[in-house]
Amino acid sequence: MAGLWQLGVSAPVSYVAAFLLPALDAVLPVVPSETAVIALGVTTAGSTDPRIAILLILAAAGAFAGDNLGYLIGSRFGHRAERRFFAGEAGARRLTRIRHSLDRFGARLILVCRFVPGGRTGVTVSCGLVRYRRESFVTATAFAAVIWASYAFFLGRLGGRAFADRPWVGLLLALGVTLIVSGIVDGSRRILSWHRRRRASQASPLSNRA
């Protein structure tokens, strides 16, 4: 946590972290990319330095690069990627659900899963595995990267301004909000998925009788 306070528009490490952490997070979900981007917002709260825009652009570019790295891994290393990210029966079932969801929802799923812990990795690698349309993938991940980076960065700035004398409180508050939002998004996704499976199971006996 102490290292986060070294971030700021005057610290060269901030520009490296803004790009590199969101990029690595795509294939290493334990990397605290969202925490870093929020921290950048907190530490720059109240500042109007034009270099803030560079940090935001780098965060979005890193997220975009990471998403496309996940796609590349899925498309180039097929079976290895499947064993790495979708090992076991549970992983195989998750991959099957993602494939079906991509066929149905496409870009919307890519955008939504950007806000689900671990969902980004599963979806981007899966898109490569199933050879999801590259043009559509690039467009969707570009939008997702900009929305995610702006959301995390400005949430951090909001928390930093609200608790200017205690920036760590602003950071914790912003992180709490992201956890709540991620929980709501993931919960909604699971509920919709459950309803679709339930409708499918109810419809199948009728189709069999017909």
N, C-alpha and C. Protein backbone atom coordinates (compact mmCIF):
# COMPACT_ATOMS: atom_id res chain seq x y z
N MET A 1 0.83 -1.21 0.00
CA MET A 1 0.00 0.00 0.00
C MET A 1 0.86 1.25 0.00
N ALA A 2 1.98 1.22 0.76
CA ALA A 2 2.83 2.40 0.86
C ALA A 2 3.38 2.80 -0.50
N GLY A 3 3.70 1.81 -1.35
CA GLY A 3 4.26 2.10 -2.66
C GLY A 3 3.30 2.86 -3.56
N LEU A 4 1.98 2.74 -3.31
CA LEU A 4 1.00 3.42 -4.14
C LEU A 4 1.10 4.92 -4.01
N TRP A 5 1.55 5.40 -2.86
CA TRP A 5 1.62 6.85 -2.66
C TRP A 5 2.80 7.47 -3.38
N GLN A 6 3.64 6.67 -3.98
CA GLN A 6 4.73 7.20 -4.79
C GLN A 6 4.25 7.55 -6.20
N LEU A 7 3.01 7.19 -6.51
CA LEU A 7 2.47 7.48 -7.82
C LEU A 7 2.04 8.94 -7.90
N GLY A 8 2.10 9.50 -9.08
CA GLY A 8 1.71 10.89 -9.29
C GLY A 8 2.23 11.36 -10.63
N VAL A 9 1.80 12.55 -11.06
CA VAL A 9 2.18 13.03 -12.39
C VAL A 9 3.67 13.30 -12.51
N SER A 10 4.34 13.50 -11.38
CA SER A 10 5.77 13.80 -11.42
C SER A 10 6.64 12.56 -11.29
N ALA A 11 6.04 11.42 -11.05
CA ALA A 11 6.81 10.19 -10.84
C ALA A 11 6.83 9.37 -12.13
N PRO A 12 8.01 9.14 -12.70
CA PRO A 12 8.09 8.34 -13.94
C PRO A 12 7.47 6.95 -13.80
N VAL A 13 7.55 6.37 -12.59
CA VAL A 13 7.00 5.03 -12.40
C VAL A 13 5.49 5.01 -12.64
N SER A 14 4.84 6.16 -12.45
CA SER A 14 3.39 6.22 -12.65
C SER A 14 3.01 5.90 -14.09
N TYR A 15 3.80 6.38 -15.03
CA TYR A 15 3.50 6.18 -16.45
C TYR A 15 3.75 4.73 -16.86
N VAL A 16 4.77 4.13 -16.25
CA VAL A 16 5.04 2.71 -16.50
C VAL A 16 3.92 1.86 -15.92
N ALA A 17 3.54 2.16 -14.67
CA ALA A 17 2.49 1.38 -14.00
C ALA A 17 1.15 1.55 -14.69
N ALA A 18 0.86 2.76 -15.17
CA ALA A 18 -0.43 3.03 -15.81
C ALA A 18 -0.64 2.14 -17.03
N PHE A 19 0.42 1.87 -17.77
CA PHE A 19 0.29 1.01 -18.96
C PHE A 19 0.52 -0.46 -18.64
N LEU A 20 1.59 -0.74 -17.90
CA LEU A 20 2.03 -2.12 -17.73
C LEU A 20 1.08 -2.96 -16.88
N LEU A 21 0.59 -2.42 -15.77
CA LEU A 21 -0.26 -3.22 -14.89
C LEU A 21 -1.58 -3.61 -15.55
N PRO A 22 -2.30 -2.71 -16.20
CA PRO A 22 -3.52 -3.14 -16.91
C PRO A 22 -3.23 -4.12 -18.04
N ALA A 23 -2.05 -4.02 -18.65
CA ALA A 23 -1.71 -4.96 -19.73
C ALA A 23 -1.46 -6.36 -19.16
N LEU A 24 -0.70 -6.44 -18.07
CA LEU A 24 -0.37 -7.74 -17.48
C LEU A 24 -1.57 -8.39 -16.82
N ASP A 25 -2.49 -7.59 -16.33
CA ASP A 25 -3.66 -8.10 -15.62
C ASP A 25 -4.50 -9.03 -16.50
N ALA A 26 -4.39 -8.88 -17.80
CA ALA A 26 -5.19 -9.71 -18.72
C ALA A 26 -4.80 -11.18 -18.63
N VAL A 27 -3.51 -11.45 -18.41
CA VAL A 27 -3.04 -12.84 -18.36
C VAL A 27 -2.59 -13.24 -16.95
N LEU A 28 -2.44 -12.26 -16.08
CA LEU A 28 -2.10 -12.51 -14.67
C LEU A 28 -3.09 -11.75 -13.81
N PRO A 29 -4.27 -12.34 -13.57
CA PRO A 29 -5.34 -11.62 -12.86
C PRO A 29 -4.98 -11.14 -11.46
N VAL A 30 -3.88 -11.66 -10.89
CA VAL A 30 -3.49 -11.23 -9.54
C VAL A 30 -2.83 -9.85 -9.56
N VAL A 31 -2.46 -9.35 -10.74
CA VAL A 31 -1.84 -8.03 -10.84
C VAL A 31 -2.89 -6.97 -10.48
N PRO A 32 -2.57 -6.06 -9.54
CA PRO A 32 -3.58 -5.09 -9.04
C PRO A 32 -3.75 -3.89 -9.97
N SER A 33 -4.18 -4.12 -11.18
CA SER A 33 -4.27 -3.03 -12.15
C SER A 33 -5.33 -2.00 -11.74
N GLU A 34 -6.49 -2.48 -11.33
CA GLU A 34 -7.56 -1.56 -10.95
C GLU A 34 -7.16 -0.74 -9.74
N THR A 35 -6.50 -1.38 -8.78
CA THR A 35 -6.03 -0.66 -7.60
C THR A 35 -5.04 0.43 -7.99
N ALA A 36 -4.15 0.12 -8.92
CA ALA A 36 -3.14 1.09 -9.35
C ALA A 36 -3.79 2.27 -10.06
N VAL A 37 -4.75 2.02 -10.94
CA VAL A 37 -5.40 3.10 -11.67
C VAL A 37 -6.22 3.97 -10.71
N ILE A 38 -6.90 3.34 -9.76
CA ILE A 38 -7.63 4.10 -8.75
C ILE A 38 -6.66 4.95 -7.93
N ALA A 39 -5.52 4.36 -7.55
CA ALA A 39 -4.53 5.09 -6.78
C ALA A 39 -3.99 6.29 -7.55
N LEU A 40 -3.83 6.13 -8.86
CA LEU A 40 -3.41 7.26 -9.68
C LEU A 40 -4.45 8.38 -9.62
N GLY A 41 -5.71 8.00 -9.63
CA GLY A 41 -6.77 9.01 -9.50
C GLY A 41 -6.74 9.69 -8.15
N VAL A 42 -6.51 8.91 -7.09
CA VAL A 42 -6.46 9.47 -5.73
C VAL A 42 -5.29 10.44 -5.58
N THR A 43 -4.12 10.04 -6.04
CA THR A 43 -2.93 10.85 -5.84
C THR A 43 -2.90 12.10 -6.72
N THR A 44 -3.73 12.12 -7.77
CA THR A 44 -3.78 13.30 -8.63
C THR A 44 -5.05 14.12 -8.38
N ALA A 45 -5.84 13.75 -7.38
CA ALA A 45 -7.08 14.46 -7.08
C ALA A 45 -6.78 15.92 -6.76
N GLY A 46 -7.55 16.82 -7.34
CA GLY A 46 -7.36 18.24 -7.10
C GLY A 46 -6.35 18.88 -8.02
N SER A 47 -5.59 18.08 -8.76
CA SER A 47 -4.59 18.62 -9.67
C SER A 47 -5.19 18.81 -11.06
N THR A 48 -4.73 19.84 -11.75
CA THR A 48 -5.17 20.08 -13.13
C THR A 48 -4.00 19.95 -14.11
N ASP A 49 -2.97 19.28 -13.68
CA ASP A 49 -1.79 19.08 -14.52
C ASP A 49 -2.21 18.34 -15.80
N PRO A 50 -1.88 18.85 -16.98
CA PRO A 50 -2.30 18.20 -18.24
C PRO A 50 -1.73 16.80 -18.41
N ARG A 51 -0.68 16.47 -17.65
CA ARG A 51 -0.10 15.13 -17.77
C ARG A 51 -1.04 14.06 -17.22
N ILE A 52 -2.06 14.49 -16.49
CA ILE A 52 -3.07 13.54 -15.99
C ILE A 52 -3.73 12.81 -17.17
N ALA A 53 -3.96 13.55 -18.26
CA ALA A 53 -4.58 12.94 -19.44
C ALA A 53 -3.69 11.83 -20.00
N ILE A 54 -2.37 12.02 -19.91
CA ILE A 54 -1.45 10.99 -20.41
C ILE A 54 -1.59 9.72 -19.59
N LEU A 55 -1.70 9.88 -18.26
CA LEU A 55 -1.87 8.71 -17.40
C LEU A 55 -3.14 7.95 -17.75
N LEU A 56 -4.22 8.68 -17.99
CA LEU A 56 -5.49 8.04 -18.34
C LEU A 56 -5.40 7.32 -19.68
N ILE A 57 -4.77 7.97 -20.65
CA ILE A 57 -4.61 7.35 -21.98
C ILE A 57 -3.77 6.09 -21.88
N LEU A 58 -2.69 6.14 -21.09
CA LEU A 58 -1.83 4.97 -20.92
C LEU A 58 -2.57 3.82 -20.25
N ALA A 59 -3.42 4.14 -19.26
CA ALA A 59 -4.19 3.08 -18.59
C ALA A 59 -5.14 2.40 -19.57
N ALA A 60 -5.82 3.19 -20.39
CA ALA A 60 -6.73 2.62 -21.39
C ALA A 60 -5.95 1.83 -22.44
N ALA A 61 -4.80 2.36 -22.86
CA ALA A 61 -3.98 1.65 -23.86
C ALA A 61 -3.45 0.34 -23.30
N GLY A 62 -3.06 0.34 -22.03
CA GLY A 62 -2.59 -0.90 -21.40
C GLY A 62 -3.69 -1.94 -21.31
N ALA A 63 -4.89 -1.50 -20.93
CA ALA A 63 -6.02 -2.43 -20.86
C ALA A 63 -6.33 -3.01 -22.24
N PHE A 64 -6.30 -2.17 -23.25
CA PHE A 64 -6.55 -2.62 -24.62
C PHE A 64 -5.48 -3.61 -25.07
N ALA A 65 -4.22 -3.29 -24.80
CA ALA A 65 -3.12 -4.18 -25.19
C ALA A 65 -3.22 -5.53 -24.48
N GLY A 66 -3.59 -5.49 -23.19
CA GLY A 66 -3.72 -6.74 -22.44
C GLY A 66 -4.84 -7.62 -22.97
N ASP A 67 -5.97 -7.00 -23.31
CA ASP A 67 -7.07 -7.77 -23.87
C ASP A 67 -6.66 -8.47 -25.16
N ASN A 68 -5.95 -7.75 -26.00
CA ASN A 68 -5.53 -8.32 -27.27
C ASN A 68 -4.40 -9.32 -27.11
N LEU A 69 -3.63 -9.18 -26.03
CA LEU A 69 -2.64 -10.21 -25.71
C LEU A 69 -3.35 -11.50 -25.33
N GLY A 70 -4.43 -11.40 -24.56
CA GLY A 70 -5.22 -12.57 -24.21
C GLY A 70 -5.77 -13.25 -25.45
N TYR A 71 -6.27 -12.47 -26.39
CA TYR A 71 -6.78 -13.03 -27.65
C TYR A 71 -5.66 -13.76 -28.40
N LEU A 72 -4.48 -13.13 -28.44
CA LEU A 72 -3.34 -13.73 -29.14
C LEU A 72 -2.94 -15.06 -28.51
N ILE A 73 -2.94 -15.10 -27.19
CA ILE A 73 -2.60 -16.35 -26.49
C ILE A 73 -3.60 -17.45 -26.84
N GLY A 74 -4.88 -17.08 -26.83
CA GLY A 74 -5.90 -18.07 -27.15
C GLY A 74 -5.83 -18.57 -28.58
N SER A 75 -5.52 -17.68 -29.51
CA SER A 75 -5.50 -18.07 -30.92
C SER A 75 -4.21 -18.78 -31.32
N ARG A 76 -3.09 -18.38 -30.74
CA ARG A 76 -1.81 -18.95 -31.14
C ARG A 76 -1.43 -20.21 -30.37
N PHE A 77 -1.88 -20.29 -29.13
CA PHE A 77 -1.42 -21.39 -28.28
C PHE A 77 -2.55 -22.30 -27.84
N GLY A 78 -3.69 -22.21 -28.56
CA GLY A 78 -4.84 -23.07 -28.39
C GLY A 78 -4.91 -23.99 -27.19
N HIS A 79 -4.42 -25.22 -27.35
CA HIS A 79 -4.55 -26.24 -26.31
C HIS A 79 -3.78 -25.87 -25.05
N ARG A 80 -2.64 -25.24 -25.20
CA ARG A 80 -1.88 -24.82 -24.02
C ARG A 80 -2.67 -23.79 -23.22
N ALA A 81 -3.27 -22.84 -23.93
CA ALA A 81 -4.08 -21.83 -23.26
C ALA A 81 -5.28 -22.45 -22.57
N GLU A 82 -5.88 -23.45 -23.23
CA GLU A 82 -7.03 -24.12 -22.64
C GLU A 82 -6.64 -24.85 -21.37
N ARG A 83 -5.49 -25.52 -21.38
CA ARG A 83 -5.03 -26.21 -20.16
C ARG A 83 -4.67 -25.21 -19.07
N ARG A 84 -4.14 -24.06 -19.46
CA ARG A 84 -3.70 -23.07 -18.47
C ARG A 84 -4.87 -22.35 -17.82
N PHE A 85 -5.86 -21.95 -18.61
CA PHE A 85 -6.93 -21.11 -18.09
C PHE A 85 -8.25 -21.86 -17.87
N PHE A 86 -8.40 -23.04 -18.47
CA PHE A 86 -9.67 -23.76 -18.35
C PHE A 86 -9.42 -25.23 -18.02
N ALA A 87 -8.54 -25.48 -17.07
CA ALA A 87 -8.21 -26.85 -16.69
C ALA A 87 -9.37 -27.51 -15.94
N GLY A 88 -9.50 -28.83 -16.13
CA GLY A 88 -10.51 -29.61 -15.41
C GLY A 88 -11.90 -29.49 -16.00
N GLU A 89 -12.83 -30.25 -15.40
CA GLU A 89 -14.20 -30.25 -15.90
C GLU A 89 -14.88 -28.90 -15.70
N ALA A 90 -14.61 -28.28 -14.55
CA ALA A 90 -15.22 -26.97 -14.28
C ALA A 90 -14.75 -25.95 -15.30
N GLY A 91 -13.46 -25.98 -15.64
CA GLY A 91 -12.93 -25.06 -16.63
C GLY A 91 -13.52 -25.31 -18.00
N ALA A 92 -13.70 -26.59 -18.35
CA ALA A 92 -14.29 -26.94 -19.65
C ALA A 92 -15.73 -26.45 -19.75
N ARG A 93 -16.47 -26.59 -18.65
CA ARG A 93 -17.86 -26.11 -18.64
C ARG A 93 -17.90 -24.59 -18.76
N ARG A 94 -16.96 -23.92 -18.09
CA ARG A 94 -16.92 -22.46 -18.15
C ARG A 94 -16.59 -22.00 -19.57
N LEU A 95 -15.67 -22.71 -20.23
CA LEU A 95 -15.32 -22.36 -21.60
C LEU A 95 -16.51 -22.55 -22.53
N THR A 96 -17.25 -23.65 -22.34
CA THR A 96 -18.42 -23.91 -23.17
C THR A 96 -19.46 -22.81 -22.99
N ARG A 97 -19.68 -22.38 -21.73
CA ARG A 97 -20.64 -21.31 -21.48
C ARG A 97 -20.19 -20.01 -22.14
N ILE A 98 -18.91 -19.74 -22.07
CA ILE A 98 -18.39 -18.51 -22.68
C ILE A 98 -18.57 -18.55 -24.19
N ARG A 99 -18.31 -19.71 -24.79
CA ARG A 99 -18.49 -19.84 -26.25
C ARG A 99 -19.93 -19.57 -26.65
N HIS A 100 -20.86 -20.19 -25.92
CA HIS A 100 -22.27 -19.98 -26.23
C HIS A 100 -22.66 -18.52 -26.02
N SER A 101 -22.15 -17.92 -24.95
CA SER A 101 -22.48 -16.52 -24.66
C SER A 101 -21.91 -15.59 -25.72
N LEU A 102 -20.69 -15.90 -26.21
CA LEU A 102 -20.11 -15.08 -27.27
C LEU A 102 -20.94 -15.15 -28.54
N ASP A 103 -21.43 -16.35 -28.85
CA ASP A 103 -22.27 -16.50 -30.03
C ASP A 103 -23.54 -15.65 -29.92
N ARG A 104 -24.01 -15.51 -28.70
CA ARG A 104 -25.29 -14.82 -28.50
C ARG A 104 -25.12 -13.32 -28.24
N PHE A 105 -24.13 -12.96 -27.40
CA PHE A 105 -24.03 -11.58 -26.96
C PHE A 105 -22.81 -10.83 -27.49
N GLY A 106 -21.77 -11.55 -27.92
CA GLY A 106 -20.63 -10.93 -28.56
C GLY A 106 -19.99 -9.79 -27.79
N ALA A 107 -19.99 -8.61 -28.41
CA ALA A 107 -19.30 -7.44 -27.87
C ALA A 107 -19.84 -7.04 -26.50
N ARG A 108 -21.12 -7.23 -26.26
CA ARG A 108 -21.69 -6.86 -24.96
C ARG A 108 -21.07 -7.68 -23.84
N LEU A 109 -20.82 -8.96 -24.10
CA LEU A 109 -20.19 -9.81 -23.10
C LEU A 109 -18.76 -9.36 -22.82
N ILE A 110 -18.03 -9.01 -23.87
CA ILE A 110 -16.65 -8.55 -23.72
C ILE A 110 -16.62 -7.30 -22.85
N LEU A 111 -17.55 -6.39 -23.07
CA LEU A 111 -17.62 -5.15 -22.30
C LEU A 111 -17.98 -5.42 -20.85
N VAL A 112 -19.00 -6.22 -20.61
CA VAL A 112 -19.45 -6.48 -19.24
C VAL A 112 -18.39 -7.21 -18.44
N CYS A 113 -17.77 -8.23 -19.03
CA CYS A 113 -16.80 -9.03 -18.30
C CYS A 113 -15.52 -8.26 -17.98
N ARG A 114 -15.34 -7.10 -18.56
CA ARG A 114 -14.21 -6.24 -18.21
C ARG A 114 -14.31 -5.81 -16.75
N PHE A 115 -15.52 -5.86 -16.18
CA PHE A 115 -15.74 -5.40 -14.82
C PHE A 115 -15.96 -6.55 -13.85
N VAL A 116 -15.78 -7.78 -14.31
CA VAL A 116 -15.94 -8.97 -13.47
C VAL A 116 -14.56 -9.53 -13.13
N PRO A 117 -14.24 -9.70 -11.84
CA PRO A 117 -12.92 -10.24 -11.49
C PRO A 117 -12.66 -11.59 -12.16
N GLY A 118 -11.58 -11.68 -12.91
CA GLY A 118 -11.25 -12.90 -13.62
C GLY A 118 -12.00 -13.10 -14.92
N GLY A 119 -13.09 -12.37 -15.09
CA GLY A 119 -13.90 -12.53 -16.29
C GLY A 119 -13.19 -12.05 -17.54
N ARG A 120 -12.39 -11.01 -17.38
CA ARG A 120 -11.65 -10.47 -18.52
C ARG A 120 -10.73 -11.52 -19.13
N THR A 121 -9.98 -12.22 -18.30
CA THR A 121 -9.04 -13.23 -18.79
C THR A 121 -9.78 -14.35 -19.52
N GLY A 122 -10.83 -14.85 -18.88
CA GLY A 122 -11.57 -15.96 -19.48
C GLY A 122 -12.16 -15.60 -20.84
N VAL A 123 -12.73 -14.41 -20.94
CA VAL A 123 -13.40 -14.02 -22.18
C VAL A 123 -12.40 -13.72 -23.29
N THR A 124 -11.34 -12.97 -22.98
CA THR A 124 -10.39 -12.60 -24.04
C THR A 124 -9.65 -13.82 -24.58
N VAL A 125 -9.22 -14.72 -23.69
CA VAL A 125 -8.54 -15.93 -24.15
C VAL A 125 -9.52 -16.81 -24.94
N SER A 126 -10.76 -16.89 -24.47
CA SER A 126 -11.77 -17.69 -25.17
C SER A 126 -12.04 -17.14 -26.56
N CYS A 127 -12.06 -15.83 -26.69
CA CYS A 127 -12.27 -15.23 -28.02
C CYS A 127 -11.19 -15.69 -28.99
N GLY A 128 -9.96 -15.77 -28.51
CA GLY A 128 -8.89 -16.27 -29.36
C GLY A 128 -9.05 -17.75 -29.66
N LEU A 129 -9.45 -18.52 -28.67
CA LEU A 129 -9.61 -19.96 -28.85
C LEU A 129 -10.66 -20.28 -29.92
N VAL A 130 -11.77 -19.56 -29.88
CA VAL A 130 -12.88 -19.86 -30.80
C VAL A 130 -12.80 -19.02 -32.07
N ARG A 131 -11.70 -18.24 -32.21
CA ARG A 131 -11.50 -17.39 -33.39
C ARG A 131 -12.66 -16.41 -33.57
N TYR A 132 -13.03 -15.76 -32.47
CA TYR A 132 -14.07 -14.73 -32.53
C TYR A 132 -13.62 -13.64 -33.50
N ARG A 133 -14.55 -13.04 -34.22
CA ARG A 133 -14.22 -12.04 -35.24
C ARG A 133 -13.26 -10.97 -34.70
N ARG A 134 -12.09 -10.88 -35.31
CA ARG A 134 -11.05 -10.01 -34.79
C ARG A 134 -11.46 -8.53 -34.82
N GLU A 135 -12.10 -8.10 -35.91
CA GLU A 135 -12.50 -6.70 -36.02
C GLU A 135 -13.48 -6.33 -34.91
N SER A 136 -14.45 -7.20 -34.65
CA SER A 136 -15.43 -6.95 -33.59
C SER A 136 -14.76 -6.96 -32.22
N PHE A 137 -13.79 -7.87 -32.05
CA PHE A 137 -13.09 -7.96 -30.78
C PHE A 137 -12.28 -6.68 -30.51
N VAL A 138 -11.56 -6.21 -31.51
CA VAL A 138 -10.75 -5.00 -31.35
C VAL A 138 -11.64 -3.80 -31.00
N THR A 139 -12.76 -3.67 -31.68
CA THR A 139 -13.68 -2.56 -31.40
C THR A 139 -14.24 -2.64 -29.99
N ALA A 140 -14.68 -3.84 -29.60
CA ALA A 140 -15.27 -4.02 -28.27
C ALA A 140 -14.25 -3.76 -27.17
N THR A 141 -13.03 -4.26 -27.33
CA THR A 141 -12.02 -4.07 -26.29
C THR A 141 -11.55 -2.62 -26.23
N ALA A 142 -11.58 -1.91 -27.34
CA ALA A 142 -11.22 -0.49 -27.32
C ALA A 142 -12.23 0.30 -26.48
N PHE A 143 -13.52 0.04 -26.71
CA PHE A 143 -14.55 0.70 -25.91
C PHE A 143 -14.44 0.29 -24.44
N ALA A 144 -14.25 -1.00 -24.19
CA ALA A 144 -14.16 -1.49 -22.82
C ALA A 144 -12.98 -0.88 -22.08
N ALA A 145 -11.85 -0.75 -22.77
CA ALA A 145 -10.64 -0.21 -22.13
C ALA A 145 -10.84 1.25 -21.74
N VAL A 146 -11.43 2.04 -22.62
CA VAL A 146 -11.66 3.46 -22.33
C VAL A 146 -12.65 3.62 -21.18
N ILE A 147 -13.74 2.85 -21.21
CA ILE A 147 -14.75 2.95 -20.16
C ILE A 147 -14.17 2.52 -18.81
N TRP A 148 -13.44 1.40 -18.80
CA TRP A 148 -12.87 0.89 -17.55
C TRP A 148 -11.85 1.86 -16.97
N ALA A 149 -10.92 2.33 -17.78
CA ALA A 149 -9.87 3.24 -17.30
C ALA A 149 -10.48 4.53 -16.77
N SER A 150 -11.45 5.09 -17.48
CA SER A 150 -12.09 6.32 -17.04
C SER A 150 -12.84 6.11 -15.73
N TYR A 151 -13.54 5.00 -15.66
CA TYR A 151 -14.31 4.66 -14.45
C TYR A 151 -13.40 4.55 -13.23
N ALA A 152 -12.33 3.77 -13.34
CA ALA A 152 -11.43 3.56 -12.20
C ALA A 152 -10.68 4.83 -11.84
N PHE A 153 -10.18 5.55 -12.84
CA PHE A 153 -9.38 6.75 -12.59
C PHE A 153 -10.22 7.85 -11.93
N PHE A 154 -11.39 8.13 -12.49
CA PHE A 154 -12.19 9.23 -11.96
C PHE A 154 -12.87 8.85 -10.65
N LEU A 155 -13.10 7.57 -10.43
CA LEU A 155 -13.58 7.14 -9.12
C LEU A 155 -12.51 7.41 -8.06
N GLY A 156 -11.26 7.15 -8.42
CA GLY A 156 -10.17 7.45 -7.51
C GLY A 156 -10.05 8.94 -7.24
N ARG A 157 -10.19 9.76 -8.27
CA ARG A 157 -10.13 11.22 -8.09
C ARG A 157 -11.26 11.71 -7.21
N LEU A 158 -12.43 11.13 -7.38
CA LEU A 158 -13.56 11.51 -6.55
C LEU A 158 -13.29 11.18 -5.09
N GLY A 159 -12.76 9.97 -4.83
CA GLY A 159 -12.44 9.59 -3.46
C GLY A 159 -11.33 10.45 -2.89
N GLY A 160 -10.34 10.79 -3.72
CA GLY A 160 -9.24 11.63 -3.25
C GLY A 160 -9.69 13.02 -2.89
N ARG A 161 -10.63 13.57 -3.65
CA ARG A 161 -11.14 14.91 -3.34
C ARG A 161 -12.01 14.89 -2.09
N ALA A 162 -12.80 13.85 -1.94
CA ALA A 162 -13.68 13.77 -0.76
C ALA A 162 -12.90 13.63 0.53
N PHE A 163 -11.72 12.99 0.45
CA PHE A 163 -10.90 12.78 1.65
C PHE A 163 -9.49 13.28 1.38
N ALA A 164 -9.40 14.57 1.06
CA ALA A 164 -8.11 15.15 0.70
C ALA A 164 -7.09 15.06 1.83
N ASP A 165 -7.58 15.12 3.08
CA ASP A 165 -6.66 15.05 4.22
C ASP A 165 -6.31 13.61 4.59
N ARG A 166 -7.08 12.67 4.08
CA ARG A 166 -6.83 11.24 4.36
C ARG A 166 -7.00 10.45 3.05
N PRO A 167 -6.03 10.56 2.16
CA PRO A 167 -6.19 9.92 0.85
C PRO A 167 -6.35 8.41 0.92
N TRP A 168 -5.82 7.77 1.95
CA TRP A 168 -5.98 6.32 2.06
C TRP A 168 -7.44 5.94 2.24
N VAL A 169 -8.21 6.82 2.90
CA VAL A 169 -9.65 6.56 3.06
C VAL A 169 -10.32 6.65 1.69
N GLY A 170 -9.93 7.65 0.89
CA GLY A 170 -10.48 7.77 -0.46
C GLY A 170 -10.18 6.56 -1.31
N LEU A 171 -8.95 6.04 -1.15
CA LEU A 171 -8.57 4.84 -1.91
C LEU A 171 -9.42 3.64 -1.49
N LEU A 172 -9.55 3.44 -0.20
CA LEU A 172 -10.35 2.30 0.30
C LEU A 172 -11.82 2.43 -0.12
N LEU A 173 -12.33 3.66 -0.06
CA LEU A 173 -13.72 3.88 -0.46
C LEU A 173 -13.92 3.55 -1.94
N ALA A 174 -12.99 4.03 -2.77
CA ALA A 174 -13.10 3.76 -4.21
C ALA A 174 -12.99 2.27 -4.49
N LEU A 175 -12.07 1.59 -3.80
CA LEU A 175 -11.94 0.14 -3.99
C LEU A 175 -13.21 -0.58 -3.56
N GLY A 176 -13.82 -0.10 -2.47
CA GLY A 176 -15.07 -0.71 -2.02
C GLY A 176 -16.17 -0.56 -3.04
N VAL A 177 -16.24 0.60 -3.67
CA VAL A 177 -17.26 0.84 -4.71
C VAL A 177 -17.04 -0.10 -5.89
N THR A 178 -15.77 -0.27 -6.30
CA THR A 178 -15.50 -1.17 -7.43
C THR A 178 -15.88 -2.60 -7.10
N LEU A 179 -15.65 -3.02 -5.85
CA LEU A 179 -16.03 -4.38 -5.45
C LEU A 179 -17.55 -4.55 -5.51
N ILE A 180 -18.27 -3.52 -5.07
CA ILE A 180 -19.74 -3.59 -5.10
C ILE A 180 -20.24 -3.64 -6.53
N VAL A 181 -19.68 -2.77 -7.38
CA VAL A 181 -20.09 -2.76 -8.79
C VAL A 181 -19.78 -4.10 -9.45
N SER A 182 -18.57 -4.64 -9.19
CA SER A 182 -18.20 -5.93 -9.77
C SER A 182 -19.14 -7.03 -9.29
N GLY A 183 -19.51 -6.98 -8.00
CA GLY A 183 -20.43 -7.97 -7.46
C GLY A 183 -21.80 -7.89 -8.10
N ILE A 184 -22.27 -6.66 -8.32
CA ILE A 184 -23.58 -6.47 -8.95
C ILE A 184 -23.56 -6.98 -10.39
N VAL A 185 -22.50 -6.62 -11.12
CA VAL A 185 -22.39 -7.06 -12.51
C VAL A 185 -22.32 -8.58 -12.60
N ASP A 186 -21.46 -9.18 -11.76
CA ASP A 186 -21.30 -10.64 -11.79
C ASP A 186 -22.57 -11.33 -11.34
N GLY A 187 -23.23 -10.79 -10.30
CA GLY A 187 -24.47 -11.39 -9.82
C GLY A 187 -25.57 -11.32 -10.87
N SER A 188 -25.68 -10.18 -11.54
CA SER A 188 -26.68 -10.03 -12.60
C SER A 188 -26.42 -11.01 -13.74
N ARG A 189 -25.13 -11.14 -14.08
CA ARG A 189 -24.76 -12.08 -15.15
C ARG A 189 -25.13 -13.50 -14.78
N ARG A 190 -24.89 -13.89 -13.54
CA ARG A 190 -25.20 -15.25 -13.10
C ARG A 190 -26.71 -15.49 -13.06
N ILE A 191 -27.46 -14.50 -12.62
CA ILE A 191 -28.92 -14.64 -12.56
C ILE A 191 -29.50 -14.79 -13.96
N LEU A 192 -29.02 -13.95 -14.89
CA LEU A 192 -29.51 -14.06 -16.27
C LEU A 192 -29.14 -15.41 -16.88
N SER A 193 -27.92 -15.87 -16.59
CA SER A 193 -27.49 -17.18 -17.10
C SER A 193 -28.36 -18.29 -16.53
N TRP A 194 -28.69 -18.20 -15.25
CA TRP A 194 -29.55 -19.21 -14.61
C TRP A 194 -30.94 -19.22 -15.24
N HIS A 195 -31.48 -18.01 -15.50
CA HIS A 195 -32.81 -17.93 -16.11
C HIS A 195 -32.81 -18.52 -17.52
N ARG A 196 -31.72 -18.27 -18.26
CA ARG A 196 -31.65 -18.84 -19.62
C ARG A 196 -31.59 -20.36 -19.57
N ARG A 197 -30.79 -20.90 -18.64
CA ARG A 197 -30.72 -22.37 -18.53
C ARG A 197 -32.05 -22.95 -18.09
N ARG A 198 -32.73 -22.24 -17.21
CA ARG A 198 -34.04 -22.74 -16.74
C ARG A 198 -35.06 -22.75 -17.87
N ARG A 199 -35.08 -21.67 -18.67
CA ARG A 199 -36.01 -21.64 -19.80
C ARG A 199 -35.69 -22.72 -20.81
N ALA A 200 -34.39 -22.96 -21.02
CA ALA A 200 -33.98 -24.00 -21.97
C ALA A 200 -34.41 -25.37 -21.49
N SER A 201 -34.26 -25.63 -20.18
CA SER A 201 -34.64 -26.94 -19.65
C SER A 201 -36.15 -27.14 -19.66
N GLN A 202 -36.91 -26.04 -19.51
CA GLN A 202 -38.38 -26.14 -19.55
C GLN A 202 -38.88 -26.31 -20.97
N ALA A 203 -38.15 -25.74 -21.92
CA ALA A 203 -38.59 -25.81 -23.32
C ALA A 203 -38.26 -27.15 -23.96
N SER A 204 -37.19 -27.81 -23.53
CA SER A 204 -36.77 -29.04 -24.17
C SER A 204 -37.78 -30.16 -24.10
N PRO A 205 -38.48 -30.42 -22.97
CA PRO A 205 -39.48 -31.49 -22.98
C PRO A 205 -40.61 -31.21 -23.95
N LEU A 206 -40.98 -29.90 -24.07
CA LEU A 206 -42.07 -29.56 -24.98
C LEU A 206 -41.67 -29.83 -26.43
N SER A 207 -40.39 -29.46 -26.75
CA SER A 207 -39.93 -29.70 -28.12
C SER A 207 -39.82 -31.18 -28.41
N ASN A 208 -39.49 -31.98 -27.39
CA ASN A 208 -39.38 -33.42 -27.61
C ASN A 208 -40.75 -34.04 -27.88
N ARG A 209 -41.79 -33.53 -27.17
CA ARG A 209 -43.13 -34.07 -27.37
C ARG A 209 -43.66 -33.68 -28.73
N ALA A 210 -43.24 -32.45 -29.17
CA ALA A 210 -43.71 -32.02 -30.48
C ALA A 210 -43.11 -32.85 -31.59
